[in-house]
Amino acid sequence: MAVYAAGGYYYPDRGLDALRTEMRGYLDLGYDAVKMKIGGASLREDLTRIEAVIDIVGAAGRVAVDANGRFDRSTAQQWAAALEGYGLRWYEEPGEPLDFELNHAVTACYDGAVATGENLFSVPDVINLVRYGGMRPERDVFQMDAGLSYGLSEYVRMLEVLESNGFDRRFAFPHGGHLINLHIAAGLGLGGCESYPGVFQPFGGYPDGCALSAGRIAPTDAPGFGLEQKTGLAELIAELTA
C-alpha cells in the first residue's frame, strides 16, 4: 500500500530547522510523501514552512497540508488562493467538517485536491458530503476512519455510497495512521494509508516487520492485526489487560 508520514506539528521550541530535520527523518525511514499542519501561524509564516518542507521532500506533489478544520469560509478560500501555485498533494480539512457549503466553496475555487472525511462518522454524513460538498471524482480524497465510524460494515457502506456516485475507492485514504487502517486499506483495495511515525506512540507508525520502501508498505503475516509486533504496544496491551 502507498503510505505517507504525517507530522509537521507546531512546537514552541522548534523552528524551521527542526521541521526540516523531522521531514528528512521520514524520508530516511522510507516514506516518500508527507503531511504537515497549517493554520497555527500567519499565512506568510506557514507558506515559509511549506516551502521548507517542499525543499526537503523534493516535490510539492509529495507534500499535503492539513488545516484540521480551522478556517472559516473566507479564510479557507484565501488559503486556497495562496496554495494554488504550489501543486500540493492535497489541502486537507480547510473548515468545519460538516460545513459542506464551505468545502464546496473551496473546491469551486481550488484546482488542487481537497481531502476531508475523518470527522464524518456515518453513511448519512458521507451522502451529504457527496451531495453538497463539491467533491470531484478522480481528484479529491476521502479520509473516513472505520474505527471511528461504527466499524468496518458501516465503512464498507460508505465506500458503496462513493462508488454509486462515480467516485473511485482508490481515492480513499483512511485517517488514523495505525495498523488496523493499514489492513483495511490493503483488504479493501483503497488508495493508501497514513502513518504517524513520530507522534501518538505507541500506536503511531508500524512494526519493523512491515517492510517500508519508496513510500509503500505491506502488513506482516501475523495473526489478526499484528499489534503485538509493534514496539511498546504489546507491553501496553499486556499492562491494560493484566
Protein backbone atom coordinates (compact mmCIF):
# COMPACT_ATOMS: atom_id res chain seq x y z
CA MET A 1 0.00 0.00 0.00
CA ALA A 2 1.04 3.61 -0.59
CA VAL A 3 1.72 5.27 2.77
CA TYR A 4 2.64 8.80 3.82
CA ALA A 5 4.13 10.17 7.03
CA ALA A 6 2.00 12.69 8.94
CA GLY A 7 3.63 15.22 11.24
CA GLY A 8 4.75 18.80 10.93
CA TYR A 9 3.02 19.92 14.13
CA TYR A 10 3.69 23.23 15.86
CA TYR A 11 6.05 23.22 18.83
CA PRO A 12 7.01 26.34 20.79
CA ASP A 13 10.68 25.35 20.93
CA ARG A 14 11.10 24.24 17.31
CA GLY A 15 11.69 26.29 14.21
CA LEU A 16 12.27 25.66 10.53
CA ASP A 17 15.45 23.69 11.07
CA ALA A 18 13.64 21.23 13.34
CA LEU A 19 10.83 20.91 10.80
CA ARG A 20 13.34 20.15 8.06
CA THR A 21 15.04 17.57 10.27
CA GLU A 22 11.72 15.90 11.03
CA MET A 23 10.76 15.61 7.38
CA ARG A 24 14.20 14.40 6.36
CA GLY A 25 13.87 11.71 9.01
CA TYR A 26 10.67 10.44 7.40
CA LEU A 27 12.42 10.16 4.05
CA ASP A 28 15.25 8.25 5.71
CA LEU A 29 12.70 5.77 7.09
CA GLY A 30 11.43 5.03 3.56
CA TYR A 31 8.47 7.40 3.19
CA ASP A 32 8.35 9.48 0.03
CA ALA A 33 5.31 11.64 0.88
CA VAL A 34 4.49 13.67 3.98
CA LYS A 35 1.73 15.75 5.56
CA MET A 36 2.13 18.85 7.70
CA LYS A 37 -0.11 21.16 9.72
CA ILE A 38 -1.13 24.67 8.67
CA GLY A 39 -3.28 27.37 10.22
CA GLY A 40 -1.41 27.66 13.51
CA ALA A 41 0.69 30.59 12.33
CA SER A 42 0.30 33.54 9.99
CA LEU A 43 -0.24 32.81 6.31
CA ARG A 44 3.20 34.16 5.45
CA GLU A 45 4.91 32.07 8.14
CA ASP A 46 3.05 28.93 7.12
CA LEU A 47 3.95 29.40 3.46
CA THR A 48 7.60 29.60 4.54
CA ARG A 49 7.13 26.34 6.44
CA ILE A 50 5.51 24.70 3.40
CA GLU A 51 8.35 25.84 1.14
CA ALA A 52 10.90 24.44 3.59
CA VAL A 53 9.19 21.04 3.55
CA ILE A 54 8.89 21.02 -0.24
CA ASP A 55 12.62 21.77 -0.43
CA ILE A 56 13.40 18.74 1.76
CA VAL A 57 10.95 16.32 0.13
CA GLY A 58 11.86 17.46 -3.37
CA ALA A 59 8.42 17.87 -4.93
CA ALA A 60 5.26 19.73 -3.89
CA GLY A 61 3.16 16.83 -5.15
CA ARG A 62 4.54 14.74 -2.30
CA VAL A 63 3.50 17.26 0.39
CA ALA A 64 -0.03 17.52 1.80
CA VAL A 65 -1.20 20.23 4.20
CA ASP A 66 -3.82 19.86 6.93
CA ALA A 67 -5.78 22.74 8.48
CA ASN A 68 -7.73 20.49 10.88
CA GLY A 69 -10.98 22.36 10.18
CA ARG A 70 -9.58 25.65 11.44
CA PHE A 71 -10.71 28.16 8.80
CA ASP A 72 -13.94 29.99 8.17
CA ARG A 73 -15.13 30.23 4.57
CA SER A 74 -13.28 33.39 3.56
CA THR A 75 -10.04 32.26 5.21
CA ALA A 76 -10.30 28.82 3.63
CA GLN A 77 -10.68 30.45 0.21
CA GLN A 78 -7.81 32.85 0.92
CA TRP A 79 -5.63 29.86 1.73
CA ALA A 80 -6.79 28.06 -1.40
CA ALA A 81 -5.62 31.01 -3.48
CA ALA A 82 -2.28 31.07 -1.68
CA LEU A 83 -1.74 27.32 -2.16
CA GLU A 84 -2.88 27.16 -5.77
CA GLY A 85 0.51 27.65 -7.35
CA TYR A 86 2.37 25.02 -5.36
CA GLY A 87 0.78 21.89 -6.79
CA LEU A 88 0.47 20.20 -3.38
CA ARG A 89 -0.70 16.64 -2.92
CA TRP A 90 -3.85 17.88 -1.17
CA TYR A 91 -5.35 20.60 1.03
CA GLU A 92 -6.99 18.83 3.98
CA GLU A 93 -10.00 19.85 6.09
CA PRO A 94 -9.95 23.56 5.34
CA GLY A 95 -13.01 24.18 7.51
CA GLU A 96 -15.60 22.67 9.83
CA PRO A 97 -16.06 19.09 8.52
CA LEU A 98 -19.87 19.28 8.46
CA ASP A 99 -19.90 22.64 6.68
CA PHE A 100 -20.37 21.14 3.24
CA GLU A 101 -21.08 24.55 1.74
CA LEU A 102 -17.64 25.74 2.85
CA ASN A 103 -15.99 22.65 1.37
CA HIS A 104 -17.88 23.23 -1.88
CA ALA A 105 -16.72 26.85 -1.95
CA VAL A 106 -13.12 25.69 -1.65
CA THR A 107 -13.35 23.02 -4.34
CA ALA A 108 -15.00 25.58 -6.62
CA CYS A 109 -12.00 27.91 -6.45
CA TYR A 110 -9.10 25.48 -5.95
CA ASP A 111 -7.82 23.30 -8.77
CA GLY A 112 -5.75 21.09 -6.47
CA ALA A 113 -7.10 18.14 -4.49
CA VAL A 114 -9.08 18.68 -1.29
CA ALA A 115 -9.17 15.97 1.37
CA THR A 116 -11.81 15.56 4.08
CA GLY A 117 -13.92 13.00 5.89
CA GLU A 118 -12.02 11.99 9.02
CA ASN A 119 -14.71 13.60 11.15
CA LEU A 120 -17.64 12.03 9.30
CA PHE A 121 -18.90 9.05 11.24
CA SER A 122 -21.87 7.61 9.36
CA VAL A 123 -23.27 6.81 5.94
CA PRO A 124 -25.66 9.82 6.01
CA ASP A 125 -22.66 12.10 6.63
CA VAL A 126 -20.93 10.74 3.54
CA ILE A 127 -24.11 11.03 1.48
CA ASN A 128 -24.30 14.71 2.42
CA LEU A 129 -20.62 15.24 1.59
CA VAL A 130 -21.17 13.74 -1.87
CA ARG A 131 -24.37 15.73 -2.43
CA TYR A 132 -23.32 19.10 -1.11
CA GLY A 133 -19.55 19.18 -0.54
CA GLY A 134 -18.42 19.68 -4.12
CA MET A 135 -16.10 16.68 -4.08
CA ARG A 136 -14.67 15.92 -7.54
CA PRO A 137 -14.11 12.37 -8.86
CA GLU A 138 -10.53 11.41 -9.71
CA ARG A 139 -9.21 14.36 -7.71
CA ASP A 140 -10.45 14.80 -4.15
CA VAL A 141 -9.66 12.45 -1.27
CA PHE A 142 -11.94 10.76 1.29
CA GLN A 143 -10.49 10.09 4.76
CA MET A 144 -13.26 8.39 6.73
CA ASP A 145 -11.96 6.19 9.55
CA ALA A 146 -13.64 2.81 10.02
CA GLY A 147 -12.57 2.67 13.65
CA LEU A 148 -14.49 5.88 14.36
CA SER A 149 -17.46 5.11 12.11
CA TYR A 150 -19.44 2.29 13.71
CA GLY A 151 -16.94 -0.23 12.41
CA LEU A 152 -15.99 -1.91 9.19
CA SER A 153 -19.53 -2.67 7.97
CA GLU A 154 -20.52 1.00 8.10
CA TYR A 155 -17.27 1.93 6.39
CA VAL A 156 -17.94 -0.52 3.55
CA ARG A 157 -21.37 1.09 3.10
CA MET A 158 -19.63 4.47 2.88
CA LEU A 159 -17.45 3.14 0.07
CA GLU A 160 -20.60 1.91 -1.68
CA VAL A 161 -22.02 5.43 -1.47
CA LEU A 162 -18.87 6.81 -3.06
CA GLU A 163 -18.81 4.27 -5.87
CA SER A 164 -22.50 4.61 -6.63
CA ASN A 165 -21.88 8.33 -7.15
CA GLY A 166 -18.97 7.92 -9.54
CA PHE A 167 -16.07 8.06 -7.09
CA ASP A 168 -13.19 5.57 -7.03
CA ARG A 169 -12.25 3.85 -3.76
CA ARG A 170 -8.60 4.36 -4.68
CA PHE A 171 -9.17 7.96 -3.60
CA ALA A 172 -9.95 6.77 -0.06
CA PHE A 173 -7.10 7.16 2.42
CA PRO A 174 -8.37 6.29 5.92
CA HIS A 175 -7.45 8.62 8.74
CA GLY A 176 -5.67 7.10 11.72
CA GLY A 177 -2.12 6.07 10.92
CA HIS A 178 -2.27 2.72 12.71
CA LEU A 179 -2.12 -0.98 11.89
CA ILE A 180 -5.86 -1.56 11.74
CA ASN A 181 -6.33 1.00 8.99
CA LEU A 182 -3.33 -0.37 7.10
CA HIS A 183 -5.07 -3.75 6.99
CA ILE A 184 -8.38 -2.15 5.99
CA ALA A 185 -6.72 -0.19 3.18
CA ALA A 186 -4.98 -3.31 1.89
CA GLY A 187 -8.01 -5.57 2.24
CA LEU A 188 -10.45 -3.20 0.55
CA GLY A 189 -8.12 -2.02 -2.22
CA LEU A 190 -8.03 1.62 -1.15
CA GLY A 191 -5.61 4.28 -2.31
CA GLY A 192 -3.33 4.06 0.70
CA CYS A 193 -3.00 4.97 4.34
CA GLU A 194 -1.26 7.41 6.63
CA SER A 195 1.34 6.82 9.30
CA TYR A 196 2.39 8.71 12.42
CA PRO A 197 5.97 7.55 12.92
CA GLY A 198 6.86 10.46 15.18
CA VAL A 199 3.72 11.03 17.28
CA PHE A 200 0.86 9.17 19.00
CA GLN A 201 3.13 6.44 20.27
CA PRO A 202 2.98 3.54 20.79
CA PHE A 203 0.10 3.38 18.28
CA GLY A 204 1.59 5.64 15.60
CA GLY A 205 3.72 4.06 12.90
CA TYR A 206 4.15 0.39 12.12
CA PRO A 207 6.21 -2.58 13.32
CA ASP A 208 9.65 -3.13 11.86
CA GLY A 209 8.27 -6.23 10.13
CA CYS A 210 6.08 -4.06 7.91
CA ALA A 211 8.68 -3.51 5.21
CA LEU A 212 8.66 0.13 4.11
CA SER A 213 10.38 1.19 0.91
CA ALA A 214 9.87 4.01 -1.59
CA GLY A 215 6.63 5.07 0.08
CA ARG A 216 4.96 1.66 0.05
CA ILE A 217 4.30 -0.73 2.92
CA ALA A 218 2.76 -4.16 3.48
CA PRO A 219 1.29 -5.74 6.63
CA THR A 220 3.13 -8.70 8.09
CA ASP A 221 1.61 -12.19 8.10
CA ALA A 222 1.00 -12.05 11.86
CA PRO A 223 -2.42 -13.32 13.00
CA GLY A 224 -5.02 -10.60 13.39
CA PHE A 225 -3.65 -7.09 13.02
CA GLY A 226 -0.17 -7.89 14.35
CA LEU A 227 -0.47 -5.37 17.18
CA GLU A 228 1.83 -7.48 19.34
CA GLN A 229 4.69 -6.78 16.91
CA LYS A 230 4.58 -3.01 17.40
CA THR A 231 7.32 -1.74 19.69
CA GLY A 232 5.84 -0.67 23.02
CA LEU A 233 2.30 -1.64 22.10
CA ALA A 234 2.46 -5.28 23.18
CA GLU A 235 3.69 -4.20 26.61
CA LEU A 236 0.90 -1.66 26.91
CA ILE A 237 -1.75 -4.22 25.93
CA ALA A 238 -0.37 -6.67 28.48
CA GLU A 239 -0.44 -3.97 31.16
CA LEU A 240 -4.00 -2.93 30.38
CA THR A 241 -5.32 -6.49 30.28
CA ALA A 242 -3.42 -7.83 33.30
